[in-house]
């Protein structure tokens, strides 16, 4: 344990500036997190699976336990846990898709498209979204669709080097997504 050093009494005289011989040094501390922090996303949506899918995953776990019930208590618990974990992992991975507008790009799932390569964005209501998922769909289009999300956004891709005509993105907030794309496009211009 080190002895405590009494602090000097406050004085009304200004303190002298530290000299080169003075042991007092001022250091500028910069945080590496602040220097490399990415820009905040303009739009961020996770297309989570509905609650009913989690109930179904729990029922699958229960059925795994019931299948193993004739073999004893330990196999029953093992079947319950294994089936519930596998079903939960499947629901979680399917519901982990994200749609973001960040750093001048549209990030949808694994795709990252610069806003400069995007054309007009169109909000699709439930009926139009269904049409673009079925009979109006182009097989070359990039589609991040979830069956449990009724509305969507269709964004044209204007990059001549990319054969993808448009991106179809399921969204619970399509107006906010289009507004974020428009604001980033306006700032870039």
C-alpha atoms as a PDB file:
ATOM      1  CA  UNK A   1       0.000   0.000   0.000  1.00  0.00           C
ATOM      2  CA  UNK A   2       1.388   3.389  -0.964  1.00  0.00           C
ATOM      3  CA  UNK A   3       1.218   6.306   1.412  1.00  0.00           C
ATOM      4  CA  UNK A   4      -1.168   9.032   0.400  1.00  0.00           C
ATOM      5  CA  UNK A   5       0.326  12.342  -0.649  1.00  0.00           C
ATOM      6  CA  UNK A   6      -1.440  15.411   0.676  1.00  0.00           C
ATOM      7  CA  UNK A   7      -2.693  17.686  -2.062  1.00  0.00           C
ATOM      8  CA  UNK A   8      -1.552  21.284  -1.985  1.00  0.00           C
ATOM      9  CA  UNK A   9      -3.957  23.920  -0.806  1.00  0.00           C
ATOM     10  CA  UNK A  10      -5.595  25.872  -3.618  1.00  0.00           C
ATOM     11  CA  UNK A  11      -3.921  29.189  -4.246  1.00  0.00           C
ATOM     12  CA  UNK A  12      -5.082  32.311  -5.967  1.00  0.00           C
ATOM     13  CA  UNK A  13      -1.869  32.517  -8.010  1.00  0.00           C
ATOM     14  CA  UNK A  14      -1.900  31.109 -11.523  1.00  0.00           C
ATOM     15  CA  UNK A  15       0.042  27.919 -11.851  1.00  0.00           C
ATOM     16  CA  UNK A  16       3.190  28.117 -13.936  1.00  0.00           C
ATOM     17  CA  UNK A  17       3.219  26.507 -17.356  1.00  0.00           C
ATOM     18  CA  UNK A  18       5.039  23.215 -17.453  1.00  0.00           C
ATOM     19  CA  UNK A  19       8.599  23.517 -18.687  1.00  0.00           C
ATOM     20  CA  UNK A  20      10.672  21.025 -20.616  1.00  0.00           C
ATOM     21  CA  UNK A  21      12.254  19.943 -17.350  1.00  0.00           C
ATOM     22  CA  UNK A  22       8.905  19.561 -15.612  1.00  0.00           C
ATOM     23  CA  UNK A  23       7.695  16.001 -15.108  1.00  0.00           C
ATOM     24  CA  UNK A  24       4.141  17.101 -15.926  1.00  0.00           C
ATOM     25  CA  UNK A  25       3.248  16.216 -19.482  1.00  0.00           C
ATOM     26  CA  UNK A  26      -0.007  16.670 -21.245  1.00  0.00           C
ATOM     27  CA  UNK A  27      -1.015  13.879 -23.539  1.00  0.00           C
ATOM     28  CA  UNK A  28      -3.759  13.912 -26.087  1.00  0.00           C
ATOM     29  CA  UNK A  29      -5.648  10.683 -25.820  1.00  0.00           C
ATOM     30  CA  UNK A  30      -7.580   9.704 -28.875  1.00  0.00           C
ATOM     31  CA  UNK A  31      -9.965   6.848 -28.814  1.00  0.00           C
ATOM     32  CA  UNK A  32      -9.473   4.344 -31.634  1.00  0.00           C
ATOM     33  CA  UNK A  33     -13.194   3.649 -31.470  1.00  0.00           C
ATOM     34  CA  UNK A  34     -14.088   7.288 -32.090  1.00  0.00           C
ATOM     35  CA  UNK A  35     -11.610   7.621 -34.939  1.00  0.00           C
ATOM     36  CA  UNK A  36     -12.870   4.578 -36.782  1.00  0.00           C
ATOM     37  CA  UNK A  37     -16.542   4.675 -35.813  1.00  0.00           C
ATOM     38  CA  UNK A  38     -18.766   4.101 -38.831  1.00  0.00           C
ATOM     39  CA  UNK A  39     -21.506   6.509 -39.735  1.00  0.00           C
ATOM     40  CA  UNK A  40     -24.838   5.832 -38.100  1.00  0.00           C
ATOM     41  CA  UNK A  41     -27.268   4.017 -40.374  1.00  0.00           C
ATOM     42  CA  UNK A  42     -30.025   6.091 -41.942  1.00  0.00           C
ATOM     43  CA  UNK A  43     -32.287   3.048 -41.960  1.00  0.00           C
ATOM     44  CA  UNK A  44     -31.894  -0.233 -40.098  1.00  0.00           C
ATOM     45  CA  UNK A  45     -34.482  -2.995 -40.063  1.00  0.00           C
ATOM     46  CA  UNK A  46     -34.191  -6.611 -38.990  1.00  0.00           C
ATOM     47  CA  UNK A  47     -36.730  -8.903 -40.625  1.00  0.00           C
ATOM     48  CA  UNK A  48     -37.369 -10.996 -37.528  1.00  0.00           C
ATOM     49  CA  UNK A  49     -39.552 -14.075 -37.680  1.00  0.00           C
ATOM     50  CA  UNK A  50     -43.049 -13.788 -36.181  1.00  0.00           C
ATOM     51  CA  UNK A  51     -43.832 -15.115 -32.702  1.00  0.00           C
ATOM     52  CA  UNK A  52     -45.865 -17.982 -34.104  1.00  0.00           C
ATOM     53  CA  UNK A  53     -42.682 -19.414 -35.673  1.00  0.00           C
ATOM     54  CA  UNK A  54     -41.054 -19.483 -32.237  1.00  0.00           C
ATOM     55  CA  UNK A  55     -44.090 -21.329 -30.855  1.00  0.00           C
ATOM     56  CA  UNK A  56     -43.725 -23.857 -33.671  1.00  0.00           C
ATOM     57  CA  UNK A  57     -39.999 -24.229 -32.852  1.00  0.00           C
ATOM     58  CA  UNK A  58     -40.961 -24.967 -29.233  1.00  0.00           C
ATOM     59  CA  UNK A  59     -43.501 -27.546 -30.384  1.00  0.00           C
ATOM     60  CA  UNK A  60     -40.838 -29.192 -32.558  1.00  0.00           C
ATOM     61  CA  UNK A  61     -38.643 -29.420 -29.454  1.00  0.00           C
ATOM     62  CA  UNK A  62     -41.520 -30.977 -27.549  1.00  0.00           C
ATOM     63  CA  UNK A  63     -42.106 -33.508 -30.326  1.00  0.00           C
ATOM     64  CA  UNK A  64     -38.394 -34.421 -30.246  1.00  0.00           C
ATOM     65  CA  UNK A  65     -38.776 -35.158 -26.550  1.00  0.00           C
ATOM     66  CA  UNK A  66     -41.930 -37.209 -27.121  1.00  0.00           C
ATOM     67  CA  UNK A  67     -40.243 -39.261 -29.844  1.00  0.00           C
ATOM     68  CA  UNK A  68     -37.433 -40.173 -27.437  1.00  0.00           C
ATOM     69  CA  UNK A  69     -39.798 -40.764 -24.449  1.00  0.00           C
ATOM     70  CA  UNK A  70     -39.966 -44.582 -24.846  1.00  0.00           C
ATOM     71  CA  UNK A  71     -36.183 -44.792 -24.453  1.00  0.00           C
ATOM     72  CA  UNK A  72     -36.152 -43.193 -20.999  1.00  0.00           C
ATOM     73  CA  UNK A  73     -35.879 -39.864 -19.244  1.00  0.00           C
ATOM     74  CA  UNK A  74     -32.332 -38.918 -20.287  1.00  0.00           C
ATOM     75  CA  UNK A  75     -32.904 -39.622 -24.021  1.00  0.00           C
ATOM     76  CA  UNK A  76     -36.234 -37.778 -23.779  1.00  0.00           C
ATOM     77  CA  UNK A  77     -34.512 -34.681 -22.368  1.00  0.00           C
ATOM     78  CA  UNK A  78     -31.758 -35.003 -24.977  1.00  0.00           C
ATOM     79  CA  UNK A  79     -34.319 -35.207 -27.798  1.00  0.00           C
ATOM     80  CA  UNK A  80     -36.213 -32.230 -26.403  1.00  0.00           C
ATOM     81  CA  UNK A  81     -33.080 -30.078 -26.139  1.00  0.00           C
ATOM     82  CA  UNK A  82     -31.575 -31.075 -29.490  1.00  0.00           C
ATOM     83  CA  UNK A  83     -34.821 -30.608 -31.430  1.00  0.00           C
ATOM     84  CA  UNK A  84     -35.584 -27.269 -29.726  1.00  0.00           C
ATOM     85  CA  UNK A  85     -32.067 -25.930 -30.352  1.00  0.00           C
ATOM     86  CA  UNK A  86     -32.078 -26.970 -34.018  1.00  0.00           C
ATOM     87  CA  UNK A  87     -35.541 -25.532 -34.650  1.00  0.00           C
ATOM     88  CA  UNK A  88     -34.658 -22.324 -32.783  1.00  0.00           C
ATOM     89  CA  UNK A  89     -31.432 -21.936 -34.769  1.00  0.00           C
ATOM     90  CA  UNK A  90     -33.320 -22.342 -38.035  1.00  0.00           C
ATOM     91  CA  UNK A  91     -35.929 -19.723 -37.085  1.00  0.00           C
ATOM     92  CA  UNK A  92     -33.274 -17.339 -35.794  1.00  0.00           C
ATOM     93  CA  UNK A  93     -31.067 -17.587 -38.882  1.00  0.00           C
ATOM     94  CA  UNK A  94     -33.994 -17.063 -41.251  1.00  0.00           C
ATOM     95  CA  UNK A  95     -35.173 -14.074 -39.229  1.00  0.00           C
ATOM     96  CA  UNK A  96     -31.749 -12.449 -38.927  1.00  0.00           C
ATOM     97  CA  UNK A  97     -31.786 -10.763 -42.361  1.00  0.00           C
ATOM     98  CA  UNK A  98     -31.231  -7.007 -42.161  1.00  0.00           C
ATOM     99  CA  UNK A  99     -31.909  -4.132 -44.516  1.00  0.00           C
ATOM    100  CA  UNK A 100     -29.760  -1.048 -43.886  1.00  0.00           C
ATOM    101  CA  UNK A 101     -28.838   2.224 -45.530  1.00  0.00           C
ATOM    102  CA  UNK A 102     -25.403   3.087 -44.185  1.00  0.00           C
ATOM    103  CA  UNK A 103     -22.216   4.778 -45.445  1.00  0.00           C
ATOM    104  CA  UNK A 104     -23.644   5.553 -48.883  1.00  0.00           C
ATOM    105  CA  UNK A 105     -24.728   1.962 -49.502  1.00  0.00           C
ATOM    106  CA  UNK A 106     -27.826  -0.181 -49.373  1.00  0.00           C
ATOM    107  CA  UNK A 107     -27.008  -3.311 -47.395  1.00  0.00           C
ATOM    108  CA  UNK A 108     -29.594  -6.069 -47.772  1.00  0.00           C
ATOM    109  CA  UNK A 109     -28.668  -9.434 -46.339  1.00  0.00           C
ATOM    110  CA  UNK A 110     -25.238 -10.255 -47.811  1.00  0.00           C
ATOM    111  CA  UNK A 111     -25.534  -7.761 -50.681  1.00  0.00           C
ATOM    112  CA  UNK A 112     -23.963  -4.302 -50.522  1.00  0.00           C
ATOM    113  CA  UNK A 113     -25.014  -1.918 -53.304  1.00  0.00           C
ATOM    114  CA  UNK A 114     -23.671   1.660 -53.502  1.00  0.00           C
ATOM    115  CA  UNK A 115     -26.451   4.237 -53.664  1.00  0.00           C
ATOM    116  CA  UNK A 116     -24.823   5.664 -56.803  1.00  0.00           C
ATOM    117  CA  UNK A 117     -25.723   2.397 -58.597  1.00  0.00           C
ATOM    118  CA  UNK A 118     -29.395   2.624 -57.603  1.00  0.00           C
ATOM    119  CA  UNK A 119     -32.244   4.193 -59.531  1.00  0.00           C
ATOM    120  CA  UNK A 120     -35.781   4.961 -58.449  1.00  0.00           C
ATOM    121  CA  UNK A 121     -37.196   3.262 -55.377  1.00  0.00           C
ATOM    122  CA  UNK A 122     -40.868   2.280 -55.296  1.00  0.00           C
ATOM    123  CA  UNK A 123     -42.978   1.407 -52.253  1.00  0.00           C
ATOM    124  CA  UNK A 124     -45.053  -1.732 -52.898  1.00  0.00           C
ATOM    125  CA  UNK A 125     -48.272  -2.377 -51.020  1.00  0.00           C
ATOM    126  CA  UNK A 126     -49.285  -5.961 -50.204  1.00  0.00           C
ATOM    127  CA  UNK A 127     -50.943  -6.613 -53.578  1.00  0.00           C
ATOM    128  CA  UNK A 128     -48.113  -5.121 -55.667  1.00  0.00           C
ATOM    129  CA  UNK A 129     -45.511  -6.911 -53.538  1.00  0.00           C
ATOM    130  CA  UNK A 130     -47.251 -10.219 -54.211  1.00  0.00           C
ATOM    131  CA  UNK A 131     -47.282  -9.465 -57.955  1.00  0.00           C
ATOM    132  CA  UNK A 132     -43.538  -8.666 -57.976  1.00  0.00           C
ATOM    133  CA  UNK A 133     -42.832 -11.884 -56.060  1.00  0.00           C
ATOM    134  CA  UNK A 134     -44.804 -13.991 -58.544  1.00  0.00           C
ATOM    135  CA  UNK A 135     -45.802 -13.196 -62.132  1.00  0.00           C
ATOM    136  CA  UNK A 136     -43.927  -9.868 -62.512  1.00  0.00           C
ATOM    137  CA  UNK A 137     -40.682 -11.212 -61.053  1.00  0.00           C
ATOM    138  CA  UNK A 138     -37.500 -11.223 -63.108  1.00  0.00           C
ATOM    139  CA  UNK A 139     -35.248 -14.241 -62.432  1.00  0.00           C
ATOM    140  CA  UNK A 140     -32.177 -11.973 -62.570  1.00  0.00           C
ATOM    141  CA  UNK A 141     -33.456  -9.717 -59.763  1.00  0.00           C
ATOM    142  CA  UNK A 142     -31.962  -9.665 -56.285  1.00  0.00           C
ATOM    143  CA  UNK A 143     -34.698 -10.635 -53.849  1.00  0.00           C
ATOM    144  CA  UNK A 144     -34.583 -10.454 -50.104  1.00  0.00           C
ATOM    145  CA  UNK A 145     -38.114 -11.533 -49.358  1.00  0.00           C
ATOM    146  CA  UNK A 146     -39.786 -12.877 -46.299  1.00  0.00           C
ATOM    147  CA  UNK A 147     -43.215 -14.445 -46.607  1.00  0.00           C
ATOM    148  CA  UNK A 148     -44.400 -13.005 -43.318  1.00  0.00           C
ATOM    149  CA  UNK A 149     -43.674  -9.375 -44.362  1.00  0.00           C
ATOM    150  CA  UNK A 150     -46.516  -8.148 -46.577  1.00  0.00           C
ATOM    151  CA  UNK A 151     -45.014  -4.928 -47.992  1.00  0.00           C
ATOM    152  CA  UNK A 152     -41.800  -4.306 -49.894  1.00  0.00           C
ATOM    153  CA  UNK A 153     -39.598  -1.880 -51.801  1.00  0.00           C
ATOM    154  CA  UNK A 154     -38.471  -2.320 -55.393  1.00  0.00           C
ATOM    155  CA  UNK A 155     -35.271  -0.433 -56.244  1.00  0.00           C
ATOM    156  CA  UNK A 156     -33.940  -0.216 -59.794  1.00  0.00           C
ATOM    157  CA  UNK A 157     -30.255  -0.989 -60.271  1.00  0.00           C
ATOM    158  CA  UNK A 158     -28.753   1.353 -62.866  1.00  0.00           C
ATOM    159  CA  UNK A 159     -25.168   0.057 -62.941  1.00  0.00           C
ATOM    160  CA  UNK A 160     -24.514  -0.967 -66.602  1.00  0.00           C
ATOM    161  CA  UNK A 161     -21.981  -3.593 -65.497  1.00  0.00           C
ATOM    162  CA  UNK A 162     -24.554  -5.330 -63.285  1.00  0.00           C
ATOM    163  CA  UNK A 163     -27.119  -7.558 -65.027  1.00  0.00           C
ATOM    164  CA  UNK A 164     -29.473  -7.329 -62.026  1.00  0.00           C
ATOM    165  CA  UNK A 165     -32.468  -5.181 -63.077  1.00  0.00           C
ATOM    166  CA  UNK A 166     -33.808  -4.407 -59.600  1.00  0.00           C
ATOM    167  CA  UNK A 167     -33.697  -5.339 -55.943  1.00  0.00           C
ATOM    168  CA  UNK A 168     -36.866  -6.514 -54.220  1.00  0.00           C
ATOM    169  CA  UNK A 169     -36.650  -5.991 -50.453  1.00  0.00           C
ATOM    170  CA  UNK A 170     -39.302  -7.012 -47.949  1.00  0.00           C
ATOM    171  CA  UNK A 171     -39.821  -4.246 -45.406  1.00  0.00           C
ATOM    172  CA  UNK A 172     -42.234  -3.447 -42.619  1.00  0.00           C
ATOM    173  CA  UNK A 173     -41.373   0.259 -43.073  1.00  0.00           C
ATOM    174  CA  UNK A 174     -40.996   0.743 -46.850  1.00  0.00           C
ATOM    175  CA  UNK A 175     -41.667   4.493 -46.761  1.00  0.00           C
ATOM    176  CA  UNK A 176     -38.783   5.031 -44.313  1.00  0.00           C
ATOM    177  CA  UNK A 177     -36.456   2.920 -46.485  1.00  0.00           C
ATOM    178  CA  UNK A 178     -37.303   4.936 -49.616  1.00  0.00           C
ATOM    179  CA  UNK A 179     -36.879   8.207 -47.702  1.00  0.00           C
ATOM    180  CA  UNK A 180     -33.447   7.092 -46.432  1.00  0.00           C
ATOM    181  CA  UNK A 181     -32.338   6.133 -49.958  1.00  0.00           C
ATOM    182  CA  UNK A 182     -33.566   9.464 -51.329  1.00  0.00           C
ATOM    183  CA  UNK A 183     -31.779  11.478 -48.628  1.00  0.00           C
ATOM    184  CA  UNK A 184     -28.468   9.655 -49.158  1.00  0.00           C
ATOM    185  CA  UNK A 185     -28.813  10.090 -52.941  1.00  0.00           C
ATOM    186  CA  UNK A 186     -29.522  13.827 -52.486  1.00  0.00           C
ATOM    187  CA  UNK A 187     -26.466  14.265 -50.273  1.00  0.00           C
ATOM    188  CA  UNK A 188     -24.240  12.462 -52.783  1.00  0.00           C
ATOM    189  CA  UNK A 189     -25.388  14.733 -55.624  1.00  0.00           C
END
